[in-house]
Protein backbone atom coordinates (compact mmCIF):
# COMPACT_ATOMS: atom_id res chain seq x y z
CA MET A 1 -0.04 0.01 0.00
CA GLU A 2 1.06 3.52 -0.79
CA SER A 3 1.73 6.16 2.07
CA PRO A 4 -1.64 7.84 2.93
CA LEU A 5 -2.44 11.08 1.47
CA VAL A 6 -4.63 12.03 4.42
CA GLU A 7 -3.87 10.84 7.92
CA GLY A 8 -6.47 9.61 10.44
CA SER A 9 -9.55 7.32 10.16
CA ALA A 10 -12.97 7.70 8.76
CA HIS A 11 -15.77 8.58 10.96
CA ARG A 12 -17.18 5.56 12.81
CA ASP A 13 -20.49 6.01 10.79
CA CYS A 14 -18.81 6.07 7.36
CA GLU A 15 -19.96 3.55 4.96
CA ALA A 16 -18.23 4.68 1.74
CA ALA A 17 -15.07 6.63 0.94
CA VAL A 18 -15.51 8.24 -2.62
CA ILE A 19 -12.13 8.92 -4.32
CA LEU A 20 -11.75 11.72 -6.81
CA PRO A 21 -8.48 12.29 -8.91
CA VAL A 22 -8.34 15.75 -10.17
CA ARG A 23 -5.82 17.17 -12.85
CA ASP A 24 -6.61 20.60 -14.54
CA GLU A 25 -10.56 20.14 -13.98
CA SER A 26 -11.33 23.70 -12.81
CA SER A 27 -14.34 23.93 -15.38
CA THR A 28 -16.10 20.93 -14.15
CA LEU A 29 -14.96 20.28 -10.57
CA SER A 30 -17.57 22.30 -8.79
CA GLU A 31 -20.56 20.46 -10.44
CA THR A 32 -18.81 17.29 -9.71
CA LEU A 33 -18.65 18.02 -5.89
CA ASP A 34 -22.22 19.57 -6.14
CA ALA A 35 -23.55 16.16 -7.18
CA LEU A 36 -21.77 14.34 -4.18
CA ALA A 37 -23.00 16.87 -1.81
CA GLY A 38 -26.73 16.21 -2.99
CA GLN A 39 -26.50 12.43 -2.35
CA VAL A 40 -29.84 10.82 -1.14
CA ASP A 41 -30.79 7.45 0.13
CA LEU A 42 -33.05 4.98 -1.77
CA SER A 43 -36.13 6.70 -0.17
CA GLY A 44 -34.91 10.02 -1.45
CA ARG A 45 -33.88 11.49 1.91
CA LEU A 46 -30.64 13.35 2.12
CA LEU A 47 -27.76 11.05 3.10
CA ASN A 48 -26.23 11.40 6.61
CA ARG A 49 -23.12 13.51 6.01
CA GLU A 50 -21.24 11.34 8.35
CA SER A 51 -22.09 8.11 6.25
CA PHE A 52 -19.58 9.08 3.55
CA GLU A 53 -16.35 11.04 2.80
CA VAL A 54 -14.71 12.33 -0.20
CA LEU A 55 -10.90 12.18 -0.87
CA LEU A 56 -9.75 14.46 -3.51
CA LEU A 57 -6.29 14.49 -5.08
CA LEU A 58 -4.96 17.45 -6.90
CA ASN A 59 -2.06 16.16 -8.95
CA ASN A 60 0.16 18.12 -11.27
CA CYS A 61 -2.45 20.82 -11.97
CA THR A 62 -1.44 23.89 -14.01
CA ASP A 63 -4.97 25.57 -13.80
CA ASN A 64 -6.82 26.93 -10.81
CA SER A 65 -8.43 23.52 -9.80
CA ALA A 66 -6.85 23.80 -6.27
CA ALA A 67 -8.52 27.15 -5.80
CA VAL A 68 -11.90 25.81 -6.88
CA ALA A 69 -11.57 22.83 -4.52
CA TRP A 70 -10.67 24.88 -1.43
CA GLU A 71 -13.32 27.32 -1.97
CA TRP A 72 -15.91 24.66 -2.47
CA LYS A 73 -14.81 23.10 0.84
CA ARG A 74 -15.10 26.40 2.65
CA ALA A 75 -18.61 26.90 1.22
CA HIS A 76 -19.72 23.23 2.27
CA SER A 77 -18.41 22.58 5.75
CA GLY A 78 -20.93 19.89 6.30
CA ILE A 79 -19.40 17.66 3.77
CA SER A 80 -16.44 15.52 4.81
CA LEU A 81 -14.10 16.57 1.92
CA HIS A 82 -10.36 15.71 2.39
CA ILE A 83 -8.05 17.53 -0.10
CA ALA A 84 -4.46 16.61 -0.93
CA GLU A 85 -2.11 18.26 -3.32
CA THR A 86 0.95 16.58 -4.88
CA GLU A 87 3.41 16.62 -7.86
CA ILE A 88 3.82 13.14 -9.20
CA GLU A 89 7.01 12.61 -11.18
CA PRO A 90 6.60 12.60 -14.93
CA ASP A 91 6.93 8.89 -15.49
CA ARG A 92 4.18 8.11 -12.89
CA ALA A 93 1.84 11.08 -13.59
CA HIS A 94 -1.21 9.25 -14.74
CA ALA A 95 -4.55 8.23 -13.66
CA GLY A 96 -3.26 4.78 -12.41
CA THR A 97 -0.84 6.38 -9.91
CA ALA A 98 -3.38 9.10 -8.73
CA ARG A 99 -6.27 6.47 -8.29
CA ARG A 100 -3.97 4.05 -6.40
CA LEU A 101 -2.88 6.72 -4.05
CA LEU A 102 -6.49 7.77 -3.35
CA MET A 103 -7.78 4.24 -2.97
CA ASP A 104 -4.97 3.10 -0.70
CA THR A 105 -5.71 6.18 1.47
CA ALA A 106 -9.44 5.16 1.57
CA TRP A 107 -8.64 1.71 2.45
CA ARG A 108 -6.42 2.87 5.43
CA ARG A 109 -8.99 5.25 6.77
CA LEU A 110 -11.71 2.63 6.56
CA ALA A 111 -9.54 0.04 8.18
CA ARG A 112 -8.80 2.26 11.17
CA GLN A 113 -12.43 3.08 11.87
CA THR A 114 -14.42 1.29 14.62
CA ALA A 115 -16.13 -1.10 12.12
CA GLY A 116 -13.23 -1.63 9.96
CA SER A 117 -15.14 -1.99 6.94
CA GLY A 118 -17.00 0.11 4.29
CA ALA A 119 -16.91 0.53 0.48
CA ILE A 120 -14.38 2.52 -1.67
CA LEU A 121 -15.98 4.22 -4.61
CA SER A 122 -14.28 5.82 -7.53
CA THR A 123 -15.53 8.46 -9.86
CA ASP A 124 -13.95 11.20 -12.09
CA SER A 125 -13.71 14.98 -11.96
CA ASP A 126 -15.47 15.43 -15.22
CA THR A 127 -18.40 13.36 -14.13
CA GLN A 128 -21.59 13.89 -12.10
CA VAL A 129 -22.99 11.15 -10.18
CA ALA A 130 -26.70 10.55 -9.90
CA PRO A 131 -28.48 11.64 -6.59
CA ASP A 132 -28.54 8.03 -5.34
CA TRP A 133 -25.34 6.85 -6.69
CA ILE A 134 -23.82 6.03 -3.32
CA ALA A 135 -26.92 4.45 -2.02
CA GLN A 136 -27.23 2.21 -5.26
CA ASN A 137 -23.56 1.14 -4.94
CA LEU A 138 -24.00 0.18 -1.15
CA GLN A 139 -27.11 -1.69 -1.98
CA ALA A 140 -25.46 -3.82 -4.66
CA LEU A 141 -22.56 -4.52 -2.46
CA THR A 142 -25.00 -5.92 0.21
CA THR A 143 -26.39 -8.48 -2.14
CA GLY A 144 -23.62 -11.04 -2.37
CA THR A 145 -21.25 -9.11 -4.56
CA ASP A 146 -17.86 -7.68 -3.71
CA ALA A 147 -17.33 -5.09 -6.46
CA VAL A 148 -19.70 -3.04 -8.48
CA GLY A 149 -19.44 -1.19 -11.93
CA GLY A 150 -21.99 1.52 -12.53
CA GLU A 151 -23.59 2.52 -15.79
CA ILE A 152 -21.82 5.53 -17.49
CA ARG A 153 -23.80 7.90 -19.64
CA LEU A 154 -23.08 11.07 -21.35
CA LYS A 155 -24.11 14.29 -19.70
CA ARG A 156 -27.35 15.84 -21.05
CA GLY A 157 -26.80 17.60 -24.28
CA HIS A 158 -23.28 16.48 -24.77
CA LEU A 159 -24.13 13.83 -27.44
CA ASP A 160 -25.56 16.56 -29.71
CA GLN A 161 -22.27 18.42 -29.49
CA LEU A 162 -20.23 15.54 -30.99
CA PRO A 163 -19.32 15.51 -34.73
CA SER A 164 -21.58 13.40 -36.70
CA GLY A 165 -19.16 10.47 -37.27
CA ALA A 166 -18.35 10.18 -33.46
CA ARG A 167 -22.05 10.61 -32.55
CA LEU A 168 -23.30 7.78 -34.90
CA ALA A 169 -20.57 5.37 -33.85
CA TYR A 170 -21.34 6.25 -30.28
CA LEU A 171 -25.05 5.32 -30.75
CA ARG A 172 -24.25 2.15 -32.56
CA ASP A 173 -21.77 1.12 -30.07
CA ARG A 174 -24.26 1.73 -27.16
CA LYS A 175 -26.72 -0.64 -28.85
CA TYR A 176 -24.11 -3.25 -29.50
CA GLN A 177 -23.04 -3.10 -25.78
CA ARG A 178 -26.70 -3.65 -24.73
CA LEU A 179 -27.13 -6.51 -27.06
CA VAL A 180 -23.95 -8.20 -25.99
CA ALA A 181 -24.85 -7.83 -22.29
CA GLU A 182 -28.10 -9.58 -22.83
CA LEU A 183 -26.28 -12.41 -24.85
CA GLU A 184 -23.89 -12.90 -21.99
CA ASP A 185 -26.81 -13.29 -19.77
CA LEU A 186 -28.30 -15.89 -22.00
CA LEU A 187 -25.34 -18.05 -22.81
CA ASP A 188 -23.01 -17.44 -19.66
CA PRO A 189 -25.41 -16.34 -16.88
CA GLN A 190 -23.91 -15.45 -13.52
CA PRO A 191 -26.27 -15.39 -10.43
CA HIS A 192 -24.37 -12.39 -8.71
CA ASP A 193 -24.70 -10.38 -12.11
CA PRO A 194 -28.24 -10.98 -13.32
CA TRP A 195 -30.06 -9.21 -16.16
CA PRO A 196 -30.62 -6.25 -16.49
CA ARG A 197 -27.02 -5.42 -16.49
CA HIS A 198 -24.46 -3.52 -18.75
CA LEU A 199 -20.74 -3.98 -19.62
CA HIS A 200 -19.22 -1.00 -17.76
CA HIS A 201 -16.62 -1.25 -15.04
CA PHE A 202 -14.71 1.86 -15.45
CA GLY A 203 -13.09 4.51 -13.09
CA ALA A 204 -15.94 6.99 -13.52
CA SER A 205 -18.18 4.49 -11.46
CA LEU A 206 -16.41 1.63 -9.91
CA GLY A 207 -16.43 0.49 -6.35
CA CYS A 208 -15.71 -2.47 -4.12
CA THR A 209 -15.72 -3.51 -0.44
CA HIS A 210 -12.91 -2.59 1.86
CA GLU A 211 -12.08 -6.28 2.18
CA ALA A 212 -12.18 -7.07 -1.57
CA TYR A 213 -9.64 -4.21 -2.29
CA ALA A 214 -7.16 -5.62 0.13
CA ARG A 215 -7.53 -9.11 -1.34
CA SER A 216 -7.07 -7.84 -4.82
CA GLY A 217 -3.57 -6.16 -4.05
CA GLY A 218 -5.07 -2.79 -4.82
CA MET A 219 -5.34 -0.66 -7.84
CA PRO A 220 -2.61 -1.28 -10.32
CA PRO A 221 -0.60 1.99 -10.96
CA VAL A 222 -0.52 1.39 -14.66
CA ARG A 223 -0.45 4.18 -17.28
CA HIS A 224 -3.39 3.03 -19.31
CA LEU A 225 -6.66 1.40 -18.47
CA GLU A 226 -5.89 1.03 -14.73
CA ASP A 227 -9.63 0.41 -14.04
CA VAL A 228 -9.84 -2.65 -16.31
CA ALA A 229 -6.52 -3.87 -14.81
CA PHE A 230 -8.11 -3.34 -11.36
CA VAL A 231 -11.15 -5.42 -12.43
CA GLU A 232 -9.01 -8.15 -13.56
CA ALA A 233 -7.16 -8.12 -10.22
CA LEU A 234 -10.43 -8.33 -8.32
CA GLU A 235 -11.63 -11.26 -10.47
CA ARG A 236 -8.28 -13.09 -9.91
CA SER A 237 -8.79 -12.78 -6.09
CA GLY A 238 -12.20 -14.36 -6.43
CA ALA A 239 -14.32 -11.11 -6.21
CA ARG A 240 -17.82 -11.04 -7.72
CA LEU A 241 -18.48 -8.07 -9.77
CA ARG A 242 -21.98 -6.67 -10.39
CA HIS A 243 -22.72 -4.50 -13.29
CA GLU A 244 -25.50 -2.33 -11.69
CA PRO A 245 -27.61 -0.43 -14.03
CA ARG A 246 -29.14 1.78 -11.09
CA ALA A 247 -25.81 3.06 -10.14
CA VAL A 248 -25.51 5.87 -12.90
CA VAL A 249 -23.00 8.65 -13.57
CA TYR A 250 -23.01 11.25 -16.40
CA THR A 251 -19.76 12.08 -17.90
CA SER A 252 -18.43 14.63 -20.44
CA ALA A 253 -18.19 13.86 -24.27
CA ARG A 254 -15.09 15.86 -24.66
CA MET A 255 -12.69 14.59 -27.27
CA ASN A 256 -9.53 15.93 -25.45
CA GLY A 257 -9.56 14.08 -22.32
CA ARG A 258 -6.76 13.87 -19.65
CA ALA A 259 -6.30 10.15 -19.97
CA GLU A 260 -4.33 8.86 -23.02
CA VAL A 261 -6.62 5.91 -23.43
CA GLY A 262 -10.25 6.29 -22.52
CA LEU A 263 -13.67 7.60 -23.78
CA SER A 264 -12.27 10.69 -25.31
CA GLY A 265 -9.77 8.74 -27.28
CA GLN A 266 -12.40 6.21 -28.50
CA LEU A 267 -14.57 9.18 -29.66
CA ARG A 268 -11.61 10.65 -31.51
CA GLN A 269 -10.87 7.42 -33.20
CA TRP A 270 -14.47 6.85 -34.21
CA GLN A 271 -14.53 10.40 -35.80
CA GLU A 272 -11.17 9.63 -37.62
CA ILE A 273 -12.57 6.35 -38.94
CA SER A 274 -15.75 8.16 -40.24
CA GLU A 275 -13.69 10.76 -41.87
CA ARG A 276 -11.61 8.19 -43.66
CA GLY A 277 -14.76 6.46 -44.92
CA GLU A 278 -13.75 3.20 -43.07
CA ARG A 279 -16.14 0.64 -41.65
CA HIS A 280 -16.79 0.51 -37.86
CA VAL A 281 -16.04 -3.17 -37.06
CA VAL A 282 -16.71 -5.03 -33.80
CA PRO A 283 -16.49 -8.78 -32.73
CA SER A 284 -18.83 -10.86 -34.78
CA ALA A 285 -21.89 -12.71 -33.62
CA ALA A 286 -20.24 -16.03 -34.25
CA TRP A 287 -17.12 -15.14 -32.33
CA LEU A 288 -19.30 -13.84 -29.36
CA ARG A 289 -21.21 -17.05 -29.21
CA HIS A 290 -18.02 -19.13 -29.39
CA ARG A 291 -16.17 -17.22 -26.69
CA LEU A 292 -19.11 -17.41 -24.40
CA GLU A 293 -19.66 -20.95 -24.79
CA THR A 294 -15.96 -21.64 -24.21
CA VAL A 295 -16.05 -19.78 -20.90
CA ARG A 296 -19.26 -21.50 -19.79
CA GLN A 297 -17.67 -24.88 -20.69
CA MET A 298 -14.62 -24.13 -18.53
CA ARG A 299 -16.84 -23.19 -15.70
CA VAL A 300 -18.45 -26.54 -15.70
CA VAL A 301 -15.05 -28.18 -15.96
CA CYS A 302 -13.92 -26.25 -12.90
CA ARG A 303 -16.75 -27.73 -10.82
CA LEU A 304 -16.17 -31.27 -11.92
CA ALA A 305 -14.28 -33.69 -9.53
CA ARG A 306 -12.03 -34.58 -12.61
CA ILE A 307 -11.74 -33.19 -16.06
CA PRO A 308 -13.56 -35.32 -18.80
CA GLU A 309 -11.55 -37.45 -20.91
CA ASN A 310 -13.50 -36.68 -24.09
CA MET A 311 -12.39 -32.96 -24.50
CA SER A 312 -11.26 -32.61 -27.98
CA TYR A 313 -8.64 -29.86 -27.42
CA THR A 314 -5.08 -30.34 -28.32
CA ARG A 315 -2.81 -32.19 -25.96
CA GLU A 316 -1.09 -28.96 -24.87
CA TRP A 317 -4.55 -27.43 -24.04
CA ARG A 318 -5.77 -30.60 -22.16
CA GLN A 319 -2.57 -30.39 -20.19
CA ARG A 320 -2.86 -26.81 -19.43
CA ILE A 321 -6.52 -27.30 -18.39
CA ALA A 322 -5.67 -30.29 -16.18
CA GLU A 323 -2.90 -28.45 -14.33
CA ALA A 324 -5.14 -25.38 -13.72
CA HIS A 325 -7.77 -27.80 -12.48
CA ALA A 326 -5.50 -29.53 -10.02
CA ARG A 327 -4.53 -26.20 -8.63
CA ARG A 328 -7.87 -24.34 -8.61
CA THR A 329 -8.99 -22.61 -5.46
CA SER A 330 -11.72 -20.39 -7.09
CA GLU A 331 -13.59 -20.40 -10.39
CA SER A 332 -12.25 -16.96 -11.41
CA GLY A 333 -8.68 -18.06 -10.67
CA PHE A 334 -9.29 -21.23 -12.65
CA LEU A 335 -10.70 -19.35 -15.70
CA ASN A 336 -7.87 -16.89 -15.56
CA GLU A 337 -5.14 -19.55 -15.41
CA VAL A 338 -6.64 -21.51 -18.29
CA GLY A 339 -6.83 -18.33 -20.44
CA CYS A 340 -10.34 -18.75 -21.98
CA GLU A 341 -9.86 -15.80 -24.39
CA GLN A 342 -6.75 -17.58 -25.85
CA LEU A 343 -8.41 -20.88 -25.80
CA ALA A 344 -11.50 -19.47 -27.62
CA ALA A 345 -9.27 -17.74 -30.24
CA GLU A 346 -7.29 -20.82 -30.99
CA THR A 347 -10.46 -23.02 -31.53
CA PHE A 348 -12.60 -20.58 -33.33
CA ARG A 349 -13.16 -21.01 -37.10
CA GLY A 350 -14.96 -18.15 -38.60
CA VAL A 351 -15.02 -14.49 -39.24
CA ARG A 352 -13.80 -12.66 -36.05
CA HIS A 353 -14.84 -9.11 -36.71
CA GLU A 354 -17.78 -7.61 -38.82
CA ASP A 355 -19.39 -4.33 -39.46
CA ILE A 356 -21.21 -3.13 -36.33
CA CYS A 357 -24.50 -2.70 -38.23
CA LYS A 358 -24.53 -6.29 -39.53
CA VAL A 359 -23.67 -7.56 -36.03
CA ASN A 360 -26.34 -5.47 -34.36
CA GLY A 361 -28.95 -6.78 -36.84
CA ASN A 362 -27.89 -10.24 -36.22
CA LEU A 363 -28.00 -9.92 -32.54
CA SER A 364 -31.25 -7.84 -32.43
CA TRP A 365 -33.02 -10.41 -34.58
CA ALA A 366 -31.65 -13.39 -32.49
CA LEU A 367 -32.50 -11.95 -29.08
CA GLY A 368 -35.89 -10.54 -30.27
CA ARG A 369 -36.66 -14.11 -31.49
CA SER A 370 -35.96 -15.57 -27.99
CA LYS A 371 -38.58 -13.20 -26.38
CA GLY A 372 -42.07 -14.63 -25.66
CA SER A 373 -40.89 -18.07 -25.19
CA PRO A 374 -38.40 -19.95 -22.82
CA ARG A 375 -34.99 -18.72 -23.88
CA SER A 376 -33.47 -22.08 -23.51
CA THR A 377 -36.09 -23.65 -25.75
CA TRP A 378 -35.42 -21.29 -28.56
CA LEU A 379 -31.70 -21.21 -28.28
CA HIS A 380 -31.50 -24.84 -28.93
CA SER A 381 -34.40 -25.29 -31.42
CA ARG A 382 -33.77 -28.14 -33.86
CA ASP A 383 -35.96 -26.48 -36.40
CA SER A 384 -33.40 -25.21 -38.78
CA GLU A 385 -36.18 -22.99 -40.72
CA SER A 386 -37.09 -21.22 -37.66
CA VAL A 387 -34.08 -18.91 -37.96
CA GLY A 388 -35.56 -17.17 -40.93
CA PRO A 389 -34.24 -16.29 -44.33
CA LEU A 390 -32.66 -12.89 -43.77
CA PHE A 391 -29.68 -13.85 -41.36
CA SER A 392 -30.05 -17.60 -41.47
CA ALA A 393 -26.28 -18.30 -42.09
CA GLU A 394 -25.09 -16.00 -39.35
CA LEU A 395 -27.75 -17.00 -37.01
CA ARG A 396 -26.97 -20.82 -37.41
CA LEU A 397 -23.45 -20.03 -36.47
CA LEU A 398 -24.54 -17.84 -33.49
CA PHE A 399 -27.26 -20.33 -32.18
CA PRO A 400 -26.66 -23.89 -33.78
CA ALA A 401 -29.12 -26.73 -33.35
CA SER A 402 -28.75 -28.40 -29.88
CA ARG A 403 -25.75 -30.58 -29.45
CA GLY A 404 -26.73 -31.70 -25.98
CA GLY A 405 -28.82 -29.71 -23.53
CA SER A 406 -30.05 -26.34 -22.48
CA VAL A 407 -27.89 -23.43 -21.18
CA HIS A 408 -30.45 -23.21 -18.24
CA ASP A 409 -31.14 -26.78 -17.55
CA GLY A 410 -29.89 -26.36 -13.99
CA LEU A 411 -27.10 -27.99 -12.17
CA HIS A 412 -27.30 -31.38 -14.12
CA GLU A 413 -26.59 -30.35 -17.71
CA ASP A 414 -25.14 -31.66 -20.88
CA VAL A 415 -22.48 -29.29 -22.26
CA SER A 416 -21.16 -29.65 -25.85
CA THR A 417 -17.46 -29.95 -26.30
CA PRO A 418 -15.69 -28.30 -29.21
CA ASP A 419 -16.14 -31.49 -31.39
CA GLY A 420 -19.88 -31.62 -30.86
CA ARG A 421 -19.78 -34.37 -28.18
CA SER A 422 -21.67 -34.20 -24.92
CA MET A 423 -20.07 -33.67 -21.59
CA HIS A 424 -22.50 -34.36 -18.55
CA ARG A 425 -22.30 -31.60 -15.90
CA GLU A 426 -22.18 -33.00 -12.43
CA PRO A 427 -24.03 -31.50 -9.49
CA GLY A 428 -22.24 -28.39 -8.13
CA ARG A 429 -22.77 -24.92 -6.99
CA GLN A 430 -23.00 -22.19 -9.77
CA SER A 431 -20.87 -19.23 -8.93
CA GLY A 432 -20.21 -16.57 -10.13
CA ASP A 433 -14.91 -3.94 -23.54
CA SER A 434 -15.89 -1.54 -25.38
CA LEU A 435 -14.86 1.80 -24.06
CA ALA A 436 -17.92 4.01 -24.89
CA PRO A 437 -20.58 4.16 -22.16
CA ALA A 438 -24.26 3.86 -22.74
CA GLU A 439 -26.36 6.93 -22.50
């Protein structure tokens, strides 16, 4: 753990420490802090001001962000706002370091309080949290999960300010993410992260329990995508992540963001692709189905007393799976050690990426077809004509005829192996990125 930015402990009634890294955000900082000051509980009553605190780090600022922060603190004495200022050396002056310093400090302050527990919640200084954001995060963390990613939307009016190429790509990608999230719930459902859900687990709205933070080893101080690296560390430690659609934040649609890799960079890239007249491509429907089925099969293997002899992977992959199985201590650790993404990639035969409009059309038709009847029945229908003429080739790849049982048959389940043979699932307990956020 890094040395604390703020000494002392959180108030004994503190349930959440909100961390806020700031670098040259004088134009947005006040409204970010105003949103935190207006937090309410799930009944709409103003939160007890001692139930949360805000830790704000001003790092390497060249504007008047510090003056804005200190003036806001003087005007809102009832809010527990702790401000730290520092100059981080150039090779470490990025969001990964700033967020690590803040989250380590939050962990220490919560550890020293009487209860020795609580939640660490992260947001950004160009972002406004919804009025019940803290309450929704805490609610999600009391329902059997260890970490929570909130839904990230654009601030009101910001979408219309984007150039046409970036705006259209953003809207298409938002639809794509919703469809992929629903597909994941169909093909690889997780009890701790049920539908409705989303795909966001980024620094603008990301939280975890005090205990889960310690088990994960803390926020990785990496230059790019520190939030994604943190989620991977959480999952390796066995943490259960909930993608909570009711924990909402609103972020800016600026295209010159502070982070080198993030939403602003994605918006710029989409605009450049549009200006060059290139296609916006995403993982294909066939690849998504194959990847999700691969992960689901490995979940089943993890719960078996011994690995099946009829797995049709190469000898190297069977050995790798067997070694991971022998050492497994958690499902997430097993999946990580196997390397499901690599396994799926090496066993996939098909088109990996396609135009986003085609993929959205395939997924929309397929998921729409599943509505109004039991999903598992439709997903494994043996009627090859039921897929319809328009996208029949793609949909047969995405949802082939049954090769052995329903996705939702329960704990006893026949699961297809890559060569089409059936692998019986023994009784056991089921456990549990695109950058642009949905609006």
